[in-house]
Protein backbone atom coordinates (compact mmCIF):
# COMPACT_ATOMS: atom_id res chain seq x y z
CA MET A 1 0.00 0.00 0.00
CA ALA A 2 1.36 3.42 -0.97
CA SER A 3 2.01 5.95 1.77
CA ARG A 4 0.10 9.23 1.88
CA LEU A 5 3.46 10.98 1.71
CA GLU A 6 4.50 9.19 -1.48
CA ARG A 7 4.75 11.65 -4.38
CA SER A 8 4.85 9.16 -7.24
CA SER A 9 2.12 9.21 -9.86
CA PHE A 10 0.71 5.93 -8.57
CA GLY A 11 0.73 7.10 -4.96
CA GLU A 12 -1.02 10.34 -5.87
CA TRP A 13 -3.57 8.45 -7.96
CA LEU A 14 -4.25 5.91 -5.23
CA TRP A 15 -5.08 8.58 -2.64
CA THR A 16 -7.12 10.83 -4.93
CA VAL A 17 -9.21 8.37 -6.98
CA ASP A 18 -12.64 7.45 -5.61
CA ARG A 19 -12.23 3.86 -4.44
CA TRP A 20 -15.95 3.25 -3.99
CA LEU A 21 -16.60 4.08 -7.62
CA LEU A 22 -13.60 2.05 -8.77
CA GLY A 23 -14.70 -0.90 -6.63
CA GLY A 24 -18.26 -0.74 -7.99
CA VAL A 25 -17.04 -0.87 -11.59
CA GLY A 26 -14.65 -3.73 -10.76
CA LEU A 27 -17.46 -5.72 -9.13
CA LEU A 28 -19.64 -5.12 -12.19
CA MET A 29 -16.91 -6.53 -14.43
CA LEU A 30 -16.79 -9.68 -12.30
CA CYS A 31 -20.57 -9.99 -12.55
CA GLY A 32 -20.20 -9.75 -16.33
CA ILE A 33 -17.91 -12.80 -16.41
CA LEU A 34 -20.20 -14.79 -14.10
CA LEU A 35 -23.34 -13.97 -16.07
CA GLY A 36 -21.49 -14.56 -19.34
CA LEU A 37 -20.86 -18.13 -18.15
CA ALA A 38 -24.63 -18.45 -17.75
CA GLY A 39 -25.86 -16.77 -20.93
CA SER A 40 -23.30 -17.32 -23.68
CA PRO A 41 -22.71 -21.13 -23.93
CA PRO A 42 -26.14 -21.86 -25.51
CA VAL A 43 -25.50 -19.22 -28.19
CA ALA A 44 -22.05 -20.61 -28.96
CA GLU A 45 -23.41 -24.15 -29.25
CA ARG A 46 -26.25 -23.04 -31.55
CA ILE A 47 -23.83 -21.60 -34.08
CA GLY A 48 -21.27 -24.39 -33.86
CA LEU A 49 -18.60 -22.69 -31.72
CA PRO A 50 -16.84 -24.04 -28.61
CA THR A 51 -19.03 -23.84 -25.52
CA PHE A 52 -17.04 -21.09 -23.79
CA HIS A 53 -16.08 -19.18 -26.94
CA PHE A 54 -17.80 -15.93 -25.94
CA VAL A 55 -16.70 -16.17 -22.31
CA ASN A 56 -13.06 -16.60 -23.32
CA ARG A 57 -13.26 -13.66 -25.71
CA GLN A 58 -14.91 -11.51 -23.05
CA VAL A 59 -12.05 -12.26 -20.65
CA ILE A 60 -9.57 -11.33 -23.40
CA TYR A 61 -11.45 -8.06 -24.01
CA LEU A 62 -11.27 -7.31 -20.28
CA VAL A 63 -7.48 -6.92 -20.47
CA PRO A 64 -7.48 -3.85 -22.78
CA ALA A 65 -10.65 -2.61 -21.07
CA ILE A 66 -9.05 -2.56 -17.62
CA ALA A 67 -5.88 -1.01 -19.05
CA THR A 68 -7.97 1.68 -20.77
CA LEU A 69 -9.91 2.44 -17.57
CA LEU A 70 -6.77 2.76 -15.44
CA LEU A 71 -4.82 4.81 -17.97
CA ALA A 72 -7.75 7.20 -18.50
CA SER A 73 -8.20 7.62 -14.73
CA PHE A 74 -4.64 8.97 -14.45
CA LEU A 75 -5.40 11.92 -16.76
CA SER A 76 -5.77 15.50 -15.61
CA PRO A 77 -8.93 17.41 -16.66
CA ARG A 78 -6.98 19.15 -19.43
CA HIS A 79 -5.71 15.84 -20.76
CA VAL A 80 -9.22 14.38 -20.51
CA ARG A 81 -10.45 17.15 -22.80
CA ARG A 82 -7.62 16.59 -25.25
CA ALA A 83 -8.09 12.83 -25.28
CA GLY A 84 -11.84 13.31 -25.67
CA LEU A 85 -11.33 15.58 -28.67
CA VAL A 86 -9.00 13.11 -30.43
CA ILE A 87 -11.28 10.14 -29.75
CA PHE A 88 -14.34 12.13 -30.81
CA LEU A 89 -12.79 13.02 -34.17
CA LEU A 90 -11.65 9.44 -34.75
CA GLY A 91 -15.04 8.07 -33.69
CA LEU A 92 -16.93 10.47 -35.93
CA ALA A 93 -14.69 9.55 -38.87
CA GLY A 94 -15.31 5.88 -38.11
CA VAL A 95 -19.08 6.37 -38.03
CA ALA A 96 -18.91 8.21 -41.36
CA ALA A 97 -16.78 5.37 -42.78
CA THR A 98 -19.44 2.79 -41.85
CA LEU A 99 -21.83 4.54 -44.25
CA VAL A 100 -19.45 3.71 -47.12
CA VAL A 101 -17.61 0.52 -46.24
CA GLY A 102 -19.46 -0.73 -43.16
CA ALA A 103 -20.90 -4.23 -42.95
CA ASP A 104 -24.66 -4.35 -43.57
CA ILE A 105 -26.18 -6.23 -40.62
CA LYS A 106 -29.98 -6.39 -40.33
CA GLY A 107 -30.37 -3.36 -42.59
CA ALA A 108 -27.96 -1.10 -40.70
CA ARG A 109 -24.32 -0.16 -41.24
CA ARG A 110 -22.77 0.21 -37.80
CA TRP A 111 -19.64 -1.96 -37.92
CA LEU A 112 -16.20 -1.66 -39.48
CA GLN A 113 -14.35 -4.88 -40.18
CA ILE A 114 -10.60 -4.49 -39.58
CA GLY A 115 -9.00 -7.87 -40.20
CA PRO A 116 -10.57 -10.37 -37.78
CA LEU A 117 -11.92 -7.59 -35.56
CA GLY A 118 -15.32 -5.93 -35.83
CA ILE A 119 -15.41 -2.40 -34.39
CA GLN A 120 -18.49 -0.28 -33.69
CA PRO A 121 -17.21 3.34 -33.84
CA SER A 122 -20.37 4.81 -32.32
CA GLU A 123 -19.54 3.12 -29.00
CA PHE A 124 -16.30 5.11 -28.69
CA LEU A 125 -18.02 8.26 -29.91
CA LYS A 126 -20.37 8.36 -26.90
CA PRO A 127 -18.00 9.10 -23.97
CA ALA A 128 -15.93 11.46 -26.12
CA PHE A 129 -19.08 13.34 -27.18
CA VAL A 130 -20.04 13.86 -23.52
CA ILE A 131 -16.57 15.23 -22.71
CA ILE A 132 -16.58 17.72 -25.60
CA ALA A 133 -20.17 18.82 -24.93
CA ALA A 134 -19.37 19.35 -21.23
CA TRP A 135 -16.34 21.44 -22.21
CA ALA A 136 -18.43 23.59 -24.57
CA PHE A 137 -21.15 24.21 -21.97
CA SER A 138 -18.69 24.92 -19.14
CA GLU A 139 -16.63 27.36 -21.22
CA GLY A 140 -19.80 29.09 -22.41
CA ALA A 141 -20.97 29.54 -18.84
CA ARG A 142 -17.55 30.73 -17.63
CA ARG A 143 -16.86 33.16 -20.48
CA LYS A 144 -19.74 35.23 -21.78
CA ASP A 145 -17.85 36.11 -24.95
CA MET A 146 -17.61 32.47 -26.02
CA PRO A 147 -20.68 30.96 -27.77
CA GLY A 148 -20.41 27.68 -25.90
CA THR A 149 -24.10 26.83 -26.20
CA TRP A 150 -24.13 27.26 -29.97
CA ILE A 151 -20.94 25.22 -30.28
CA ALA A 152 -22.68 22.48 -28.30
CA VAL A 153 -25.74 22.69 -30.60
CA LEU A 154 -23.57 22.32 -33.70
CA LEU A 155 -21.70 19.49 -32.00
CA LEU A 156 -24.96 17.63 -31.40
CA LEU A 157 -26.21 18.09 -34.96
CA GLY A 158 -22.88 17.02 -36.45
CA THR A 159 -22.79 13.92 -34.26
CA VAL A 160 -26.33 12.59 -34.64
CA ALA A 161 -26.54 13.15 -38.41
CA PRO A 162 -24.30 10.19 -39.38
CA LEU A 163 -25.85 8.05 -36.64
CA VAL A 164 -29.31 8.61 -38.12
CA LEU A 165 -28.00 7.68 -41.56
CA GLN A 166 -26.66 4.32 -40.34
CA PRO A 167 -29.48 4.16 -38.96
CA ASP A 168 -28.92 3.82 -35.20
CA VAL A 169 -31.92 5.33 -33.46
CA GLY A 170 -30.99 3.88 -30.06
CA GLN A 171 -27.56 5.51 -29.87
CA THR A 172 -28.96 8.74 -31.30
CA THR A 173 -31.64 8.87 -28.60
CA LEU A 174 -29.06 8.15 -25.90
CA LEU A 175 -26.73 10.95 -27.03
CA ILE A 176 -29.58 13.45 -27.32
CA ALA A 177 -30.74 12.58 -23.80
CA CYS A 178 -27.21 13.08 -22.41
CA TRP A 179 -26.85 16.37 -24.28
CA CYS A 180 -30.18 17.64 -22.92
CA THR A 181 -29.08 16.68 -19.40
CA LEU A 182 -25.90 18.71 -19.79
CA PHE A 183 -27.87 21.61 -21.23
CA PHE A 184 -30.21 21.56 -18.24
CA LEU A 185 -27.36 21.35 -15.71
CA ALA A 186 -25.58 24.23 -17.46
CA GLY A 187 -28.52 26.47 -16.52
CA LEU A 188 -30.78 26.73 -19.56
CA HIS A 189 -33.94 28.83 -19.42
CA TRP A 190 -37.25 26.99 -18.87
CA LEU A 191 -38.36 28.03 -22.35
CA TRP A 192 -35.54 25.89 -23.68
CA VAL A 193 -36.91 22.95 -21.69
CA VAL A 194 -40.27 23.29 -23.42
CA GLY A 195 -38.60 23.74 -26.80
CA LEU A 196 -36.34 20.72 -26.37
CA ALA A 197 -39.26 18.58 -25.21
CA GLY A 198 -41.21 19.57 -28.31
CA ALA A 199 -38.22 18.90 -30.57
CA GLY A 200 -37.70 15.51 -28.93
CA GLY A 201 -41.32 14.57 -29.55
CA LEU A 202 -41.04 15.65 -33.18
CA LEU A 203 -37.86 13.62 -33.68
CA ALA A 204 -39.50 10.56 -32.13
CA LEU A 205 -42.46 10.94 -34.49
CA LEU A 206 -40.14 11.29 -37.50
CA ALA A 207 -38.19 8.18 -36.49
CA TYR A 208 -41.48 6.28 -36.20
CA LYS A 209 -42.59 7.44 -39.65
CA LEU A 210 -39.28 7.16 -41.53
CA PHE A 211 -37.67 3.96 -40.24
CA PRO A 212 -39.63 0.72 -40.82
CA HIS A 213 -37.83 -1.21 -38.06
CA VAL A 214 -38.73 1.52 -35.54
CA THR A 215 -42.34 1.46 -36.72
CA ALA A 216 -42.50 -2.31 -36.34
CA ARG A 217 -40.98 -2.31 -32.85
CA VAL A 218 -43.28 0.44 -31.56
CA ASN A 219 -46.37 -1.21 -33.08
CA HIS A 220 -45.49 -4.58 -31.58
CA PHE A 221 -44.93 -2.92 -28.20
CA LEU A 222 -48.23 -1.04 -28.26
CA GLU A 223 -50.29 -3.89 -29.72
CA LYS A 224 -49.47 -6.87 -27.55
CA GLY A 225 -49.55 -10.15 -29.43
CA SER A 226 -49.17 -8.56 -32.87
CA GLY A 227 -46.21 -9.44 -35.05
CA ASP A 228 -43.06 -11.21 -33.90
CA THR A 229 -42.60 -10.65 -30.16
CA PHE A 230 -40.74 -13.91 -29.53
CA GLN A 231 -37.67 -12.29 -27.92
CA VAL A 232 -39.56 -10.18 -25.41
CA ASP A 233 -42.10 -12.91 -24.62
CA THR A 234 -39.29 -15.41 -24.00
CA ALA A 235 -37.44 -12.90 -21.82
CA LEU A 236 -40.53 -12.39 -19.66
CA GLU A 237 -40.95 -16.14 -19.44
CA SER A 238 -37.37 -16.36 -18.13
CA PHE A 239 -38.17 -14.06 -15.19
CA THR A 240 -41.33 -16.03 -14.41
CA ALA A 241 -39.50 -19.37 -14.53
CA GLY A 242 -36.69 -18.13 -12.30
CA GLY A 243 -38.93 -16.82 -9.53
CA TRP A 244 -37.32 -15.15 -6.54
CA LEU A 245 -34.27 -17.39 -6.16
CA GLY A 246 -33.74 -18.75 -9.68
CA LYS A 247 -33.16 -22.28 -10.96
CA GLY A 248 -29.47 -22.23 -10.09
CA PRO A 249 -26.27 -21.63 -12.10
CA GLY A 250 -26.31 -23.58 -15.36
CA GLU A 251 -29.83 -24.92 -14.78
CA GLY A 252 -31.68 -22.50 -17.04
CA THR A 253 -33.53 -23.96 -20.03
CA ILE A 254 -35.36 -21.01 -21.57
CA LYS A 255 -32.02 -19.32 -22.31
CA ARG A 256 -31.36 -22.06 -24.88
CA ILE A 257 -34.04 -20.63 -27.16
CA LEU A 258 -33.66 -16.95 -26.23
CA PRO A 259 -31.99 -15.01 -29.08
CA ASP A 260 -29.12 -12.70 -28.05
CA SER A 261 -29.07 -14.20 -24.57
CA HIS A 262 -25.39 -13.21 -24.22
CA THR A 263 -25.88 -9.58 -25.30
CA ASP A 264 -29.21 -7.72 -25.30
CA PHE A 265 -31.07 -10.22 -23.07
CA ILE A 266 -28.41 -11.21 -20.53
CA PHE A 267 -30.57 -9.63 -17.81
CA ALA A 268 -33.36 -12.15 -18.57
CA VAL A 269 -30.87 -15.02 -18.21
CA THR A 270 -29.92 -13.55 -14.83
CA GLY A 271 -33.57 -13.71 -13.82
CA GLU A 272 -33.97 -17.35 -14.84
CA GLU A 273 -30.81 -18.75 -13.24
CA PHE A 274 -30.28 -16.48 -10.24
CA GLY A 275 -33.75 -15.11 -9.58
CA ILE A 276 -35.43 -11.77 -9.11
CA ILE A 277 -33.45 -11.08 -5.93
CA ALA A 278 -30.19 -11.33 -7.88
CA CYS A 279 -31.65 -9.02 -10.54
CA MET A 280 -32.49 -6.49 -7.85
CA GLY A 281 -28.95 -6.80 -6.52
CA LEU A 282 -27.54 -6.13 -9.98
CA MET A 283 -29.84 -3.14 -10.38
CA SER A 284 -28.67 -1.87 -6.99
CA LEU A 285 -25.06 -2.08 -8.15
CA PHE A 286 -25.87 0.02 -11.22
CA ALA A 287 -27.78 2.47 -9.01
CA PHE A 288 -24.84 2.72 -6.58
CA ILE A 289 -22.42 3.63 -9.38
CA VAL A 290 -24.83 6.24 -10.76
CA LEU A 291 -25.60 7.80 -7.38
CA ARG A 292 -21.96 7.80 -6.34
CA GLY A 293 -21.00 9.49 -9.60
CA LEU A 294 -23.70 12.13 -9.20
CA TYR A 295 -22.63 12.76 -5.61
CA LEU A 296 -19.03 13.31 -6.71
CA ALA A 297 -20.18 15.54 -9.55
CA GLN A 298 -22.25 17.68 -7.17
CA LYS A 299 -19.27 18.13 -4.84
CA ASN A 300 -16.87 19.14 -7.62
CA GLU A 301 -16.09 22.87 -7.83
CA ASP A 302 -14.65 22.79 -11.37
CA PRO A 303 -17.51 23.51 -13.84
CA PHE A 304 -16.07 21.25 -16.55
CA CYS A 305 -15.44 18.33 -14.18
CA ARG A 306 -18.90 18.72 -12.68
CA LEU A 307 -20.66 18.64 -16.06
CA ALA A 308 -18.43 15.90 -17.48
CA ALA A 309 -19.02 13.65 -14.47
CA ALA A 310 -22.78 14.21 -14.58
CA GLY A 311 -22.86 13.54 -18.33
CA LEU A 312 -20.81 10.33 -18.12
CA VAL A 313 -22.93 9.02 -15.26
CA THR A 314 -26.09 9.86 -17.23
CA LEU A 315 -24.74 7.99 -20.25
CA PHE A 316 -23.95 4.93 -18.11
CA GLY A 317 -27.22 5.02 -16.18
CA LEU A 318 -29.50 5.54 -19.18
CA GLN A 319 -27.88 2.72 -21.16
CA SER A 320 -28.29 0.38 -18.17
CA THR A 321 -31.91 1.41 -17.65
CA ILE A 322 -32.80 1.03 -21.33
CA ASN A 323 -31.39 -2.50 -21.52
CA MET A 324 -33.16 -3.69 -18.37
CA ALA A 325 -36.42 -1.98 -19.36
CA VAL A 326 -36.36 -3.76 -22.75
CA ASN A 327 -35.86 -7.11 -21.00
CA LEU A 328 -38.92 -6.37 -18.84
CA ASN A 329 -40.96 -5.20 -21.86
CA LEU A 330 -41.34 -1.70 -20.43
CA ILE A 331 -40.11 0.00 -23.62
CA PRO A 332 -39.71 -1.13 -27.27
CA PRO A 333 -36.49 -3.07 -28.07
CA LYS A 334 -33.43 -0.86 -28.64
CA GLY A 335 -30.57 -3.31 -29.24
CA MET A 336 -28.45 -1.78 -26.46
CA THR A 337 -25.99 -3.70 -24.28
CA LEU A 338 -26.00 -3.91 -20.49
CA PRO A 339 -22.81 -2.10 -19.40
CA PHE A 340 -19.92 -4.43 -18.48
CA VAL A 341 -22.28 -7.42 -18.45
CA SER A 342 -23.32 -8.02 -22.07
CA TYR A 343 -20.81 -9.58 -24.45
CA GLY A 344 -19.04 -7.20 -26.84
CA GLY A 345 -15.51 -5.88 -27.22
CA SER A 346 -16.34 -2.40 -28.54
CA SER A 347 -18.97 -1.89 -25.85
CA LEU A 348 -16.73 -3.13 -23.04
CA ILE A 349 -13.69 -1.03 -23.97
CA SER A 350 -15.72 2.13 -24.67
CA LEU A 351 -17.54 1.81 -21.34
CA ALA A 352 -14.18 1.36 -19.61
CA LEU A 353 -12.99 4.54 -21.34
CA GLY A 354 -16.06 6.41 -20.07
CA MET A 355 -15.59 5.15 -16.51
CA GLY A 356 -11.89 6.01 -16.70
CA PHE A 357 -12.79 9.56 -17.70
CA LEU A 358 -15.31 9.64 -14.83
CA LEU A 359 -12.67 8.55 -12.32
CA ALA A 360 -10.27 11.16 -13.74
CA VAL A 361 -12.62 14.14 -13.44
CA THR A 362 -13.83 13.14 -9.95
CA ARG A 363 -10.38 12.68 -8.42
CA ARG A 364 -9.75 14.87 -5.38
CA ARG A 365 -7.67 17.93 -6.24
CA PRO A 366 -6.44 20.87 -4.14
CA ARG A 367 -8.87 23.78 -4.07
CA ALA A 368 -6.09 26.12 -5.24
CA GLU A 369 -5.63 24.05 -8.40
CA ILE A 370 -9.35 24.28 -9.22
CA LEU A 371 -9.51 28.03 -8.61
CA ASP A 372 -6.40 28.53 -10.74
CA ARG A 373 -8.07 26.68 -13.60
CA ILE A 374 -11.17 28.92 -13.34
CA ILE A 375 -9.54 32.33 -12.99
CA GLU A 376 -6.23 31.83 -14.86
CA PRO A 377 -7.41 33.21 -18.24
CA GLU A 378 -8.77 36.39 -16.66
CA ARG A 379 -5.66 36.83 -14.53
CA ARG A 380 -3.42 36.67 -17.55
CA GLY A 381 -5.61 39.09 -19.46
CA PHE A 382 -6.45 36.61 -22.21
CA ALA A 383 -10.01 37.81 -22.44
CA ALA A 384 -8.88 41.30 -23.43
CA GLN A 385 -6.30 40.09 -25.94
CA ALA A 386 -8.22 37.33 -27.75
CA PRO A 387 -11.88 36.39 -27.25
CA LEU A 388 -11.29 32.63 -27.49
CA ALA A 389 -7.93 32.38 -25.75
CA GLY A 390 -9.49 31.25 -22.50
CA ALA A 391 -11.08 28.21 -24.11
CA THR A 392 -8.35 25.81 -23.14
CA VAL A 393 -8.51 22.26 -24.44
């Protein structure tokens, strides 16, 4: 154990990082391996792969994911912004590339095939988008001569446009919700709340009218028993069969016919084998991470760190809620993974990046350092010399 007096980078990190948040994420990763052992073997056997193919790959993906989380958590707020900008530009270029050379899967182009690896650029775009949007809002609030809000608006439009073209309505909805959260926390007028709510309703209506797969999913959700609802019906049957305590590890049978039991519907497998009590425990773990992150964000005095932490926690919490709500047939299917639990390399590493950024911006820092970051541009007279000089990246 490092001493409090140790001045090495590791010693400083160890005594400034939030251990409760780090421990919660680590426990969630372990849950992902355990639940992967329950949900992925039937899928592997159905498609002729070794029984533990997906589990082994998930463990392999954990290595770069953990490394990404730890490395990102060492960054200073300035380096978080710079890393976020680079990853955002690369992610946006990757999303644009999927429209040209992406693999067509179920009528959507969301994946890039690089050798044996399939990469979903939109996953890496999400945490970087939150970082850049938080920077724009915080700089706009701190410096009245910088149009931070309008930069954030253009950022949103430029980000969701290629996502809609893929089309990826789920990720688009998630990013818009995170952006609106940041806008609200940055102190928007109540008229903007009404306007954004109206715009959100209009966009939802357009998605329903323009995209056939969205129309079908909404119709099947609203008209129970119409169309193909096999996935959702089977997921609900899994919860019923598991009861409070579940059938026991490896004893589930419904999971053998449940499509995507290792990805989108891993929560239903949890219900069948470990029971509703275990599902509530898993939900409590997600809630703990979200509430801890919001608590740390509320305590933070740096405007950028406060907004970035709130945005990253919102991204994590909404994705978790959407996945579990789909499994319980509370909302139409979205095709969104359960963070750190569902199988998927791109999802796992991008979520680790987001949590690493969250740990970085919530690390304890001296009050003098925070105040210096806020007042430094004015002290140096940057505002008088160049309107945008204070917008440090």
